[in-house]
Amino acid sequence: MTRGRGHTGIAGIALAAMLVVAPSRVLGSDSSVQSDNDVKAALVFNFAKFVDWSALPDRAPIRACVVGAQAIAAALVQIVGEETINGHAVEVSTPGVGTSWRECQLLFLGSTETRPSAEALRPVSTLPILTISDSPDFLDMGGIVEFYVERSRLRFAINLDAVERSGLRVSARLLGLAKIVRGQDVP
């Protein structure tokens, strides 16, 4: 099934609905930890729908790289299936820490197995790579999107300075759902 720009309104509603996940599902027992991973993976996939990938050649895949979060990578593979985003297939990979992330268009850095650092992000901070993490202070390190829990709800913040550095264009619809942060620079 192809998702084009015409579906962004529906995707936006789905994205907003996903942000009201109850804390017991997000932070509860082992089975709800899986639910947390599923929700994060779904959000990551939906974020990609709200980013302008116009610099990507026609029919080239969007490479979604997941580092340090095997459960999120597995959930993302299930969600992606045969879906495309504006004519681009989505390929999920799990490169290691310290490998080149330059081939990624989307990079999720998990906080559970590896803590992202400003040093690790520096080589990709000016490339058109959507960086996302559930690690605290990810935006302070120069990341673009950070998941956080507020009032028992999974939320996300977007660092506009990091977006501008990357050269990506993020839809106003996605920005309207996020907590907006400015003034964070890569050290």
Foldseek 3Di string as FASTA:
>chain_A
DEDEPVCLVVLLVVLLVLQADFLCLCPNDPNSVLVVLLSVLSNLVSQVLQKDPVVDDAQEAAEAEEEQCVSNLVSNCVVQPQYARNRHRYHYYYDYQPDDPLVHQEYEYEPPRDADALVSCVVQQQANHQYEYQHPCVVLSLHAKYWDADPRTIAIEGEVVSCVSRVMDGHVSVNVRHHYHYDRDND
